[in-house]
N, C-alpha and C. Protein backbone atom coordinates (compact mmCIF):
# COMPACT_ATOMS: atom_id res chain seq x y z
N UNK A 1 0.86 -1.20 0.00
CA UNK A 1 0.00 0.00 0.00
C UNK A 1 0.89 1.24 0.00
N UNK A 2 0.61 2.15 -0.89
CA UNK A 2 1.42 3.35 -1.04
C UNK A 2 0.82 4.49 -0.24
N UNK A 3 1.69 5.16 0.57
CA UNK A 3 1.20 6.27 1.40
C UNK A 3 0.96 7.49 0.54
N UNK A 4 -0.05 8.29 0.88
CA UNK A 4 -0.34 9.49 0.10
C UNK A 4 0.78 10.50 0.28
N UNK A 5 1.07 11.22 -0.71
CA UNK A 5 2.14 12.23 -0.66
C UNK A 5 1.55 13.59 -0.41
N UNK A 6 2.34 14.38 0.35
CA UNK A 6 1.89 15.75 0.67
C UNK A 6 2.72 16.71 -0.16
N UNK A 7 2.04 17.54 -0.90
CA UNK A 7 2.72 18.50 -1.76
C UNK A 7 2.98 19.78 -1.00
N UNK A 8 4.22 20.27 -1.09
CA UNK A 8 4.59 21.54 -0.46
C UNK A 8 4.69 22.66 -1.49
N UNK A 9 4.10 22.43 -2.67
CA UNK A 9 4.18 23.45 -3.72
C UNK A 9 3.48 24.75 -3.34
N UNK A 10 2.49 24.63 -2.42
CA UNK A 10 1.74 25.82 -2.06
C UNK A 10 2.61 26.85 -1.36
N UNK A 11 3.76 26.36 -0.76
CA UNK A 11 4.62 27.31 -0.07
C UNK A 11 5.23 28.33 -1.04
N UNK A 12 5.32 27.92 -2.32
CA UNK A 12 5.88 28.85 -3.29
C UNK A 12 5.00 30.05 -3.55
N UNK A 13 3.73 29.92 -3.27
CA UNK A 13 2.77 31.02 -3.51
C UNK A 13 2.64 31.97 -2.32
N UNK A 14 3.26 31.60 -1.17
CA UNK A 14 3.13 32.44 0.05
C UNK A 14 4.21 33.49 0.04
N UNK A 15 3.84 34.76 0.30
CA UNK A 15 4.82 35.84 0.33
C UNK A 15 5.92 35.55 1.35
N UNK A 16 7.05 36.19 1.19
CA UNK A 16 8.21 35.96 2.04
C UNK A 16 7.97 36.24 3.51
N UNK A 17 7.35 37.40 3.79
CA UNK A 17 7.15 37.75 5.21
C UNK A 17 6.23 36.76 5.91
N UNK A 18 5.26 36.20 5.13
CA UNK A 18 4.36 35.20 5.73
C UNK A 18 5.10 33.90 6.00
N UNK A 19 6.06 33.59 5.06
CA UNK A 19 6.86 32.39 5.31
C UNK A 19 7.65 32.53 6.61
N UNK A 20 8.23 33.71 6.80
CA UNK A 20 8.99 33.95 8.04
C UNK A 20 8.07 33.84 9.25
N UNK A 21 6.86 34.44 9.12
CA UNK A 21 5.90 34.39 10.21
C UNK A 21 5.48 32.96 10.50
N UNK A 22 5.22 32.20 9.44
CA UNK A 22 4.81 30.80 9.59
C UNK A 22 5.92 29.97 10.24
N UNK A 23 7.16 30.25 9.79
CA UNK A 23 8.29 29.54 10.37
C UNK A 23 8.44 29.85 11.86
N UNK A 24 8.22 31.13 12.18
CA UNK A 24 8.29 31.52 13.59
C UNK A 24 7.24 30.83 14.42
N UNK A 25 6.01 30.73 13.87
CA UNK A 25 4.91 30.06 14.59
C UNK A 25 5.25 28.60 14.81
N UNK A 26 5.80 27.97 13.74
CA UNK A 26 6.14 26.55 13.85
C UNK A 26 7.23 26.34 14.91
N UNK A 27 8.25 27.19 14.88
CA UNK A 27 9.33 27.05 15.87
C UNK A 27 8.79 27.30 17.29
N UNK A 28 7.93 28.34 17.40
CA UNK A 28 7.35 28.63 18.72
C UNK A 28 6.51 27.47 19.23
N UNK A 29 5.74 26.85 18.30
CA UNK A 29 4.92 25.71 18.71
C UNK A 29 5.76 24.54 19.16
N UNK A 30 6.86 24.30 18.41
CA UNK A 30 7.74 23.21 18.79
C UNK A 30 8.39 23.48 20.16
N UNK A 31 8.79 24.75 20.35
CA UNK A 31 9.41 25.11 21.63
C UNK A 31 8.42 24.96 22.78
N UNK A 32 7.16 25.42 22.52
CA UNK A 32 6.13 25.30 23.56
C UNK A 32 5.85 23.84 23.86
N UNK A 33 5.80 23.03 22.78
CA UNK A 33 5.55 21.60 23.00
C UNK A 33 6.67 20.96 23.79
N UNK A 34 7.92 21.32 23.44
CA UNK A 34 9.07 20.78 24.17
C UNK A 34 9.03 21.20 25.64
N UNK A 35 8.69 22.48 25.86
CA UNK A 35 8.65 22.99 27.25
C UNK A 35 7.59 22.26 28.07
N UNK A 36 6.37 22.14 27.47
CA UNK A 36 5.25 21.53 28.19
C UNK A 36 5.39 20.02 28.33
N UNK A 37 5.93 19.38 27.27
CA UNK A 37 5.97 17.92 27.28
C UNK A 37 7.25 17.36 27.88
N UNK A 38 8.35 18.10 27.80
CA UNK A 38 9.64 17.56 28.25
C UNK A 38 10.24 18.36 29.40
N UNK A 39 10.47 19.66 29.15
CA UNK A 39 11.20 20.47 30.12
C UNK A 39 10.41 20.68 31.42
N UNK A 40 9.13 21.07 31.30
CA UNK A 40 8.33 21.38 32.48
C UNK A 40 8.16 20.18 33.39
N UNK A 41 7.76 19.00 32.86
CA UNK A 41 7.64 17.84 33.76
C UNK A 41 8.95 17.48 34.44
N UNK A 42 10.07 17.55 33.68
CA UNK A 42 11.36 17.22 34.29
C UNK A 42 11.72 18.21 35.38
N UNK A 43 11.45 19.49 35.13
CA UNK A 43 11.74 20.52 36.12
C UNK A 43 10.93 20.31 37.39
N UNK A 44 9.64 20.02 37.23
CA UNK A 44 8.78 19.78 38.39
C UNK A 44 9.25 18.56 39.17
N UNK A 45 9.67 17.53 38.42
CA UNK A 45 10.14 16.32 39.08
C UNK A 45 11.43 16.59 39.84
N UNK A 46 12.33 17.37 39.22
CA UNK A 46 13.59 17.72 39.89
C UNK A 46 13.31 18.52 41.16
N UNK A 47 12.40 19.51 41.05
CA UNK A 47 12.06 20.31 42.24
C UNK A 47 11.44 19.44 43.33
N UNK A 48 10.58 18.51 42.91
CA UNK A 48 9.96 17.60 43.88
C UNK A 48 11.00 16.73 44.56
N UNK A 49 11.95 16.24 43.75
CA UNK A 49 13.02 15.41 44.32
C UNK A 49 13.90 16.22 45.26
N UNK A 50 14.19 17.47 44.87
CA UNK A 50 15.02 18.32 45.72
C UNK A 50 14.32 18.59 47.06
N UNK A 51 13.00 18.81 47.01
CA UNK A 51 12.24 19.04 48.24
C UNK A 51 12.25 17.80 49.12
N UNK A 52 12.08 16.62 48.48
CA UNK A 52 12.09 15.36 49.24
C UNK A 52 13.46 15.12 49.86
N UNK A 53 14.53 15.41 49.08
CA UNK A 53 15.89 15.23 49.59
C UNK A 53 16.15 16.18 50.76
N UNK A 54 15.64 17.41 50.65
CA UNK A 54 15.80 18.37 51.74
C UNK A 54 15.13 17.89 53.02
N UNK A 55 13.93 17.32 52.89
CA UNK A 55 13.22 16.80 54.06
C UNK A 55 13.96 15.62 54.66
N UNK A 56 14.50 14.75 53.78
CA UNK A 56 15.26 13.61 54.28
C UNK A 56 16.53 14.05 55.01
N UNK A 57 17.21 15.05 54.45
CA UNK A 57 18.40 15.58 55.10
C UNK A 57 18.07 16.12 56.48
N UNK A 58 16.98 16.86 56.57
CA UNK A 58 16.56 17.43 57.85
C UNK A 58 16.20 16.33 58.85
N UNK A 59 15.52 15.30 58.35
CA UNK A 59 15.15 14.18 59.22
C UNK A 59 16.39 13.44 59.71
N UNK A 60 17.37 13.26 58.82
CA UNK A 60 18.61 12.59 59.21
C UNK A 60 19.34 13.38 60.30
N UNK A 61 19.38 14.72 60.13
CA UNK A 61 20.03 15.57 61.13
C UNK A 61 19.32 15.44 62.48
N UNK A 62 17.97 15.45 62.44
CA UNK A 62 17.19 15.31 63.68
C UNK A 62 17.42 13.95 64.33
N UNK A 63 17.46 12.90 63.49
CA UNK A 63 17.68 11.56 64.03
C UNK A 63 19.06 11.44 64.66
N UNK A 64 20.05 12.10 64.04
CA UNK A 64 21.39 12.07 64.62
C UNK A 64 21.42 12.77 65.96
N UNK A 65 20.69 13.89 66.05
CA UNK A 65 20.61 14.59 67.33
C UNK A 65 19.96 13.72 68.39
N UNK A 66 18.87 13.06 68.01
CA UNK A 66 18.17 12.18 68.95
C UNK A 66 19.08 11.04 69.37
N UNK A 67 19.79 10.44 68.39
CA UNK A 67 20.69 9.32 68.69
C UNK A 67 21.80 9.76 69.65
N UNK A 68 22.34 10.96 69.40
CA UNK A 68 23.39 11.47 70.28
C UNK A 68 22.84 11.70 71.68
N UNK A 69 21.63 12.25 71.75
CA UNK A 69 21.00 12.48 73.05
C UNK A 69 20.75 11.15 73.77
N UNK A 70 20.30 10.14 73.02
CA UNK A 70 20.05 8.83 73.61
C UNK A 70 21.34 8.20 74.11
N UNK A 71 22.42 8.36 73.33
CA UNK A 71 23.71 7.82 73.76
C UNK A 71 24.14 8.45 75.07
N UNK A 72 23.99 9.78 75.16
CA UNK A 72 24.34 10.48 76.40
C UNK A 72 23.45 10.02 77.54
N UNK A 73 22.15 9.84 77.24
CA UNK A 73 21.22 9.41 78.28
C UNK A 73 21.55 8.01 78.78
N UNK A 74 21.90 7.12 77.84
CA UNK A 74 22.27 5.75 78.22
C UNK A 74 23.53 5.77 79.09
N UNK A 75 24.49 6.61 78.73
CA UNK A 75 25.74 6.70 79.49
C UNK A 75 25.48 7.22 80.90
N UNK A 76 24.64 8.26 81.01
CA UNK A 76 24.32 8.82 82.32
C UNK A 76 23.55 7.80 83.16
N UNK A 77 22.62 7.08 82.51
CA UNK A 77 21.84 6.07 83.22
C UNK A 77 22.74 4.97 83.78
N UNK A 78 23.70 4.50 82.95
CA UNK A 78 24.62 3.47 83.41
C UNK A 78 25.46 3.97 84.58
N UNK A 79 25.88 5.23 84.50
CA UNK A 79 26.68 5.80 85.59
C UNK A 79 25.87 5.88 86.87
N UNK A 80 24.60 6.31 86.75
CA UNK A 80 23.74 6.41 87.92
C UNK A 80 23.46 5.03 88.51
N UNK A 81 23.25 4.03 87.64
CA UNK A 81 23.02 2.68 88.12
C UNK A 81 24.24 2.14 88.87
N UNK A 82 25.43 2.45 88.35
CA UNK A 82 26.65 2.00 89.02
C UNK A 82 26.79 2.67 90.39
N UNK A 83 26.48 3.97 90.45
CA UNK A 83 26.55 4.69 91.72
C UNK A 83 25.52 4.15 92.71
N UNK A 84 24.33 3.82 92.18
CA UNK A 84 23.28 3.28 93.04
C UNK A 84 23.71 1.94 93.63
N UNK A 85 24.33 1.09 92.80
CA UNK A 85 24.80 -0.21 93.30
C UNK A 85 25.87 -0.02 94.36
N UNK A 86 26.73 0.99 94.15
CA UNK A 86 27.76 1.27 95.16
C UNK A 86 27.13 1.70 96.47
N UNK A 87 26.12 2.59 96.37
CA UNK A 87 25.44 3.06 97.58
C UNK A 87 24.70 1.92 98.27
N UNK A 88 24.08 1.04 97.45
CA UNK A 88 23.38 -0.09 98.04
C UNK A 88 24.33 -0.99 98.81
N UNK A 89 25.57 -1.10 98.29
CA UNK A 89 26.56 -1.91 98.98
C UNK A 89 26.94 -1.33 100.33
N UNK A 90 26.74 -0.02 100.50
CA UNK A 90 27.03 0.64 101.78
C UNK A 90 25.84 0.59 102.73
N UNK A 91 24.73 0.06 102.26
CA UNK A 91 23.54 -0.05 103.10
C UNK A 91 23.24 -1.53 103.37
N UNK A 92 23.71 -2.05 104.48
CA UNK A 92 23.41 -3.45 104.78
C UNK A 92 21.92 -3.62 105.06
N UNK A 93 21.38 -4.81 104.88
CA UNK A 93 19.96 -5.01 105.18
C UNK A 93 19.69 -4.80 106.66
N UNK A 94 18.47 -4.42 106.96
CA UNK A 94 18.11 -4.11 108.35
C UNK A 94 18.33 -5.31 109.27
N UNK A 95 18.23 -6.51 108.71
CA UNK A 95 18.44 -7.71 109.52
C UNK A 95 19.85 -7.75 110.12
N UNK A 96 20.80 -7.03 109.49
CA UNK A 96 22.18 -7.05 109.97
C UNK A 96 22.51 -5.83 110.83
N UNK A 97 21.50 -5.06 111.20
CA UNK A 97 21.73 -3.82 111.96
C UNK A 97 22.39 -4.09 113.30
N UNK A 98 21.92 -5.12 114.00
CA UNK A 98 22.46 -5.41 115.34
C UNK A 98 23.94 -5.76 115.26
N UNK A 99 24.31 -6.59 114.28
CA UNK A 99 25.72 -6.97 114.16
C UNK A 99 26.57 -5.77 113.73
N UNK A 100 25.99 -4.87 112.92
CA UNK A 100 26.72 -3.68 112.51
C UNK A 100 27.02 -2.78 113.71
N UNK A 101 26.02 -2.55 114.54
CA UNK A 101 26.21 -1.70 115.71
C UNK A 101 27.19 -2.34 116.70
N UNK A 102 27.14 -3.66 116.81
CA UNK A 102 28.10 -4.35 117.68
C UNK A 102 29.51 -4.19 117.13
N UNK A 103 29.65 -4.22 115.81
CA UNK A 103 30.95 -4.03 115.19
C UNK A 103 31.51 -2.66 115.54
N UNK A 104 30.64 -1.65 115.57
CA UNK A 104 31.08 -0.30 115.89
C UNK A 104 31.53 -0.22 117.35
N UNK A 105 30.74 -0.78 118.24
CA UNK A 105 31.11 -0.72 119.66
C UNK A 105 32.39 -1.53 119.93
N UNK A 106 32.56 -2.62 119.20
CA UNK A 106 33.79 -3.42 119.36
C UNK A 106 35.02 -2.62 118.94
N UNK A 107 34.86 -1.79 117.88
CA UNK A 107 35.97 -0.95 117.45
C UNK A 107 36.43 -0.04 118.58
N UNK A 108 35.47 0.55 119.28
CA UNK A 108 35.81 1.44 120.39
C UNK A 108 36.46 0.70 121.54
N UNK A 109 35.92 -0.46 121.86
CA UNK A 109 36.47 -1.23 122.98
C UNK A 109 37.89 -1.70 122.69
N UNK A 110 38.16 -2.04 121.44
CA UNK A 110 39.48 -2.55 121.07
C UNK A 110 40.58 -1.51 121.23
N UNK A 111 40.21 -0.22 121.07
CA UNK A 111 41.24 0.82 121.19
C UNK A 111 41.24 1.47 122.59
N UNK A 112 40.43 0.93 123.51
CA UNK A 112 40.50 1.37 124.90
C UNK A 112 39.42 2.32 125.36
N UNK A 113 38.35 2.50 124.60
CA UNK A 113 37.26 3.37 125.05
C UNK A 113 36.40 2.61 126.06
N UNK A 114 35.93 3.35 127.06
CA UNK A 114 35.03 2.78 128.06
C UNK A 114 33.62 3.30 127.78
N UNK A 115 32.72 2.41 127.37
CA UNK A 115 31.36 2.84 127.02
C UNK A 115 30.52 2.99 128.29
N UNK A 116 30.07 4.22 128.52
CA UNK A 116 29.22 4.52 129.66
C UNK A 116 27.73 4.45 129.30
N UNK A 117 27.44 4.70 128.00
CA UNK A 117 26.05 4.68 127.56
C UNK A 117 25.99 4.21 126.11
N UNK A 118 25.04 3.33 125.85
CA UNK A 118 24.78 2.86 124.47
C UNK A 118 23.27 2.65 124.38
N UNK A 119 22.59 3.69 123.97
CA UNK A 119 21.12 3.69 124.01
C UNK A 119 20.55 3.86 122.60
N UNK A 120 20.06 2.76 121.99
CA UNK A 120 19.43 2.87 120.67
C UNK A 120 18.18 3.74 120.71
N UNK A 121 18.01 4.57 119.69
CA UNK A 121 16.85 5.43 119.59
C UNK A 121 15.78 4.83 118.70
N UNK A 122 14.85 5.67 118.27
CA UNK A 122 13.74 5.21 117.45
C UNK A 122 14.16 5.06 115.99
N UNK A 123 13.83 3.93 115.43
CA UNK A 123 14.07 3.65 114.02
C UNK A 123 13.21 4.59 113.18
N UNK A 124 13.78 5.19 112.12
CA UNK A 124 12.99 6.08 111.26
C UNK A 124 13.29 5.78 109.79
N UNK A 125 12.23 5.59 109.02
CA UNK A 125 12.39 5.30 107.60
C UNK A 125 12.34 6.59 106.80
N UNK A 126 13.25 6.74 105.86
CA UNK A 126 13.29 7.94 105.05
C UNK A 126 12.06 7.99 104.13
N UNK A 127 11.65 9.21 103.78
CA UNK A 127 10.47 9.37 102.92
C UNK A 127 10.65 8.68 101.57
N UNK A 128 11.89 8.55 101.12
CA UNK A 128 12.15 7.90 99.83
C UNK A 128 11.97 6.39 99.89
N UNK A 129 11.88 5.83 101.12
CA UNK A 129 11.76 4.37 101.32
C UNK A 129 13.02 3.62 100.93
N UNK A 130 14.11 4.34 100.71
CA UNK A 130 15.35 3.69 100.26
C UNK A 130 16.26 3.30 101.43
N UNK A 131 16.14 3.97 102.58
CA UNK A 131 17.00 3.63 103.71
C UNK A 131 16.30 3.94 105.03
N UNK A 132 16.89 3.40 106.09
CA UNK A 132 16.36 3.56 107.44
C UNK A 132 17.47 4.10 108.34
N UNK A 133 17.13 5.03 109.19
CA UNK A 133 18.09 5.58 110.15
C UNK A 133 17.93 4.85 111.49
N UNK A 134 19.07 4.44 112.04
CA UNK A 134 19.07 3.78 113.35
C UNK A 134 19.97 4.59 114.29
N UNK A 135 19.39 5.52 115.05
CA UNK A 135 20.21 6.38 115.91
C UNK A 135 20.56 5.68 117.24
N UNK A 136 21.72 6.03 117.74
CA UNK A 136 22.17 5.51 119.04
C UNK A 136 22.81 6.65 119.80
N UNK A 137 22.36 6.85 121.05
CA UNK A 137 22.99 7.84 121.93
C UNK A 137 24.15 7.14 122.64
N UNK A 138 25.34 7.75 122.52
CA UNK A 138 26.55 7.10 123.04
C UNK A 138 27.31 8.05 123.97
N UNK A 139 27.85 7.46 125.03
CA UNK A 139 28.75 8.20 125.91
C UNK A 139 29.96 7.31 126.18
N UNK A 140 31.14 7.85 125.95
CA UNK A 140 32.36 7.08 126.16
C UNK A 140 33.33 7.87 127.02
N UNK A 141 34.25 7.15 127.64
CA UNK A 141 35.32 7.77 128.41
C UNK A 141 36.64 7.29 127.83
N UNK A 142 37.55 8.24 127.60
CA UNK A 142 38.85 7.90 127.05
C UNK A 142 39.61 9.16 126.72
N UNK A 143 40.82 8.98 126.29
CA UNK A 143 41.64 10.14 125.95
C UNK A 143 41.12 10.79 124.66
N UNK A 144 41.51 12.04 124.45
CA UNK A 144 41.10 12.75 123.25
C UNK A 144 41.58 12.02 122.01
N UNK A 145 42.81 11.53 122.06
CA UNK A 145 43.38 10.82 120.92
C UNK A 145 42.60 9.53 120.63
N UNK A 146 42.20 8.83 121.67
CA UNK A 146 41.46 7.58 121.49
C UNK A 146 40.09 7.84 120.87
N UNK A 147 39.42 8.89 121.33
CA UNK A 147 38.12 9.25 120.77
C UNK A 147 38.25 9.64 119.31
N UNK A 148 39.27 10.43 118.99
CA UNK A 148 39.49 10.84 117.61
C UNK A 148 39.79 9.63 116.72
N UNK A 149 40.56 8.68 117.25
CA UNK A 149 40.86 7.46 116.49
C UNK A 149 39.60 6.66 116.25
N UNK A 150 38.73 6.61 117.24
CA UNK A 150 37.47 5.89 117.10
C UNK A 150 36.61 6.49 115.98
N UNK A 151 36.49 7.81 115.98
CA UNK A 151 35.71 8.48 114.93
C UNK A 151 36.33 8.22 113.54
N UNK A 152 37.66 8.22 113.48
CA UNK A 152 38.32 7.98 112.20
C UNK A 152 38.04 6.56 111.70
N UNK A 153 38.05 5.59 112.59
CA UNK A 153 37.77 4.21 112.19
C UNK A 153 36.32 4.07 111.69
N UNK A 154 35.40 4.82 112.29
CA UNK A 154 34.00 4.76 111.86
C UNK A 154 33.87 5.27 110.43
N UNK A 155 34.58 6.37 110.12
CA UNK A 155 34.48 6.94 108.77
C UNK A 155 35.05 6.00 107.72
N UNK A 156 35.93 5.09 108.11
CA UNK A 156 36.56 4.18 107.15
C UNK A 156 35.79 2.87 106.98
N UNK A 157 34.72 2.70 107.71
CA UNK A 157 33.90 1.50 107.53
C UNK A 157 33.20 1.56 106.18
N UNK A 158 32.98 0.42 105.52
CA UNK A 158 32.28 0.43 104.23
C UNK A 158 30.82 0.84 104.35
N UNK A 159 30.23 0.64 105.52
CA UNK A 159 28.85 1.04 105.72
C UNK A 159 28.76 2.54 106.03
N UNK A 160 27.56 3.09 105.86
CA UNK A 160 27.35 4.52 106.11
C UNK A 160 26.93 4.70 107.56
N UNK A 161 27.82 5.33 108.34
CA UNK A 161 27.54 5.61 109.75
C UNK A 161 27.95 7.05 110.02
N UNK A 162 27.04 7.80 110.60
CA UNK A 162 27.26 9.22 110.82
C UNK A 162 27.42 9.51 112.32
N UNK A 163 28.33 10.41 112.64
CA UNK A 163 28.53 10.85 114.02
C UNK A 163 28.19 12.33 114.09
N UNK A 164 27.32 12.70 115.04
CA UNK A 164 26.90 14.10 115.15
C UNK A 164 26.72 14.48 116.61
N UNK A 165 26.51 15.79 116.83
CA UNK A 165 26.26 16.33 118.18
C UNK A 165 27.33 15.88 119.18
N UNK A 166 28.58 16.03 118.81
CA UNK A 166 29.67 15.62 119.69
C UNK A 166 29.87 16.67 120.78
N UNK A 167 29.88 16.21 122.02
CA UNK A 167 30.11 17.11 123.15
C UNK A 167 31.15 16.47 124.08
N UNK A 168 32.15 17.24 124.42
CA UNK A 168 33.21 16.74 125.29
C UNK A 168 33.20 17.48 126.62
N UNK A 169 33.37 16.71 127.68
CA UNK A 169 33.43 17.31 129.01
C UNK A 169 34.84 17.76 129.35
N UNK A 170 34.99 18.17 130.56
CA UNK A 170 36.32 18.61 131.01
C UNK A 170 37.20 17.39 131.27
N UNK A 171 38.46 17.47 130.90
CA UNK A 171 39.36 16.33 131.13
C UNK A 171 39.61 16.11 132.63
N UNK A 172 39.72 14.86 132.99
CA UNK A 172 40.03 14.49 134.38
C UNK A 172 41.17 13.48 134.36
N UNK A 173 41.86 13.40 135.50
CA UNK A 173 42.94 12.42 135.62
C UNK A 173 42.35 11.17 136.23
N UNK A 174 42.54 10.06 135.55
CA UNK A 174 42.00 8.78 136.03
C UNK A 174 43.03 7.70 135.77
N UNK A 175 43.53 7.11 136.83
CA UNK A 175 44.54 6.05 136.72
C UNK A 175 45.76 6.54 135.91
N UNK A 176 46.24 7.68 136.30
CA UNK A 176 47.44 8.29 135.69
C UNK A 176 47.28 8.58 134.20
N UNK A 177 46.08 8.81 133.76
CA UNK A 177 45.87 9.20 132.36
C UNK A 177 44.75 10.24 132.29
N UNK A 178 44.80 11.03 131.24
CA UNK A 178 43.79 12.07 131.05
C UNK A 178 42.59 11.45 130.35
N UNK A 179 41.44 11.58 130.94
CA UNK A 179 40.21 10.97 130.41
C UNK A 179 39.19 12.08 130.16
N UNK A 180 38.52 11.96 129.03
CA UNK A 180 37.48 12.92 128.66
C UNK A 180 36.17 12.17 128.45
N UNK A 181 35.11 12.69 129.07
CA UNK A 181 33.78 12.12 128.82
C UNK A 181 33.25 12.73 127.51
N UNK A 182 32.91 11.87 126.56
CA UNK A 182 32.43 12.35 125.26
C UNK A 182 31.05 11.76 124.98
N UNK A 183 30.14 12.66 124.63
CA UNK A 183 28.77 12.26 124.30
C UNK A 183 28.52 12.60 122.83
N UNK A 184 27.87 11.69 122.11
CA UNK A 184 27.57 11.95 120.70
C UNK A 184 26.42 11.07 120.23
N UNK A 185 25.90 11.44 119.09
CA UNK A 185 24.84 10.65 118.45
C UNK A 185 25.45 9.89 117.28
N UNK A 186 25.25 8.62 117.26
CA UNK A 186 25.73 7.76 116.18
C UNK A 186 24.51 7.27 115.40
N UNK A 187 24.53 7.43 114.08
CA UNK A 187 23.40 7.01 113.24
C UNK A 187 23.88 6.06 112.16
N UNK A 188 23.34 4.86 112.20
CA UNK A 188 23.65 3.87 111.17
C UNK A 188 22.54 3.87 110.13
N UNK A 189 22.92 3.69 108.87
CA UNK A 189 21.94 3.67 107.78
C UNK A 189 21.90 2.26 107.19
N UNK A 190 20.68 1.73 107.12
CA UNK A 190 20.49 0.37 106.59
C UNK A 190 19.37 0.35 105.57
N UNK A 191 19.34 -0.72 104.78
CA UNK A 191 18.26 -0.88 103.81
C UNK A 191 17.02 -1.40 104.51
N UNK A 192 15.83 -1.08 103.98
CA UNK A 192 14.59 -1.55 104.61
C UNK A 192 14.55 -3.06 104.76
N UNK A 193 13.79 -3.51 105.73
CA UNK A 193 13.66 -4.93 106.04
C UNK A 193 13.20 -5.69 104.81
N UNK A 194 13.92 -6.75 104.49
CA UNK A 194 13.63 -7.53 103.28
C UNK A 194 13.05 -8.88 103.68
N UNK A 195 11.76 -9.05 103.38
CA UNK A 195 11.09 -10.30 103.71
C UNK A 195 11.70 -11.47 102.96
N UNK A 196 12.23 -11.23 101.75
CA UNK A 196 12.80 -12.31 100.95
C UNK A 196 14.05 -12.89 101.59
N UNK A 197 14.68 -12.06 102.43
CA UNK A 197 15.92 -12.53 103.05
C UNK A 197 15.68 -13.50 104.20
N UNK A 198 14.41 -13.64 104.65
CA UNK A 198 14.10 -14.56 105.74
C UNK A 198 14.08 -15.98 105.20
N UNK A 199 14.90 -16.88 105.74
CA UNK A 199 14.91 -18.24 105.21
C UNK A 199 13.59 -18.94 105.49
N UNK A 200 13.16 -19.71 104.51
CA UNK A 200 11.90 -20.43 104.67
C UNK A 200 12.06 -21.56 105.68
N UNK A 201 11.00 -21.83 106.43
CA UNK A 201 11.03 -22.91 107.41
C UNK A 201 11.03 -24.25 106.69
N UNK A 202 11.86 -25.18 107.18
CA UNK A 202 11.89 -26.51 106.52
C UNK A 202 10.60 -27.28 106.73
């Protein structure tokens, strides 16, 4: 089958200025078609992609900030947990309070202090429920150096024991040595009573 032929002979009859005008229209139409069909869609797609990339970049920056914050938070949490475990190690269970206080009094007796008073006070639980205070009113007789040594030994114990309200009387001579009556409050800190620590009956 033979395709029909298109004759361009009519262009010979068109004046020159019209040919130029027609050529301009044709070129303008082709340019408009190229712009609308090729350039404009590609431009819109590029702009859309650039906007999406910008949002992704911003999201990545935010995620990195969050990740860095989380890393810092995890590090601080681990540090706090380690400190808490250390503090817990300094708080013996309440079941061991009696042996702890005996350990303290034994320290004083070993270095030559004479205990005149050892009066346990009222047990008080802290509002945080994390520890219990066990106060003891104490009066001892001994040299100034011996009392100071006793206080120093208390501070070096692994458990938390506080000495407060220290009052010293006038020194007296007793058995060829200078003796001072010293009164103070001793407070031991223990963990709350743990029912789980009670052994089950056989």
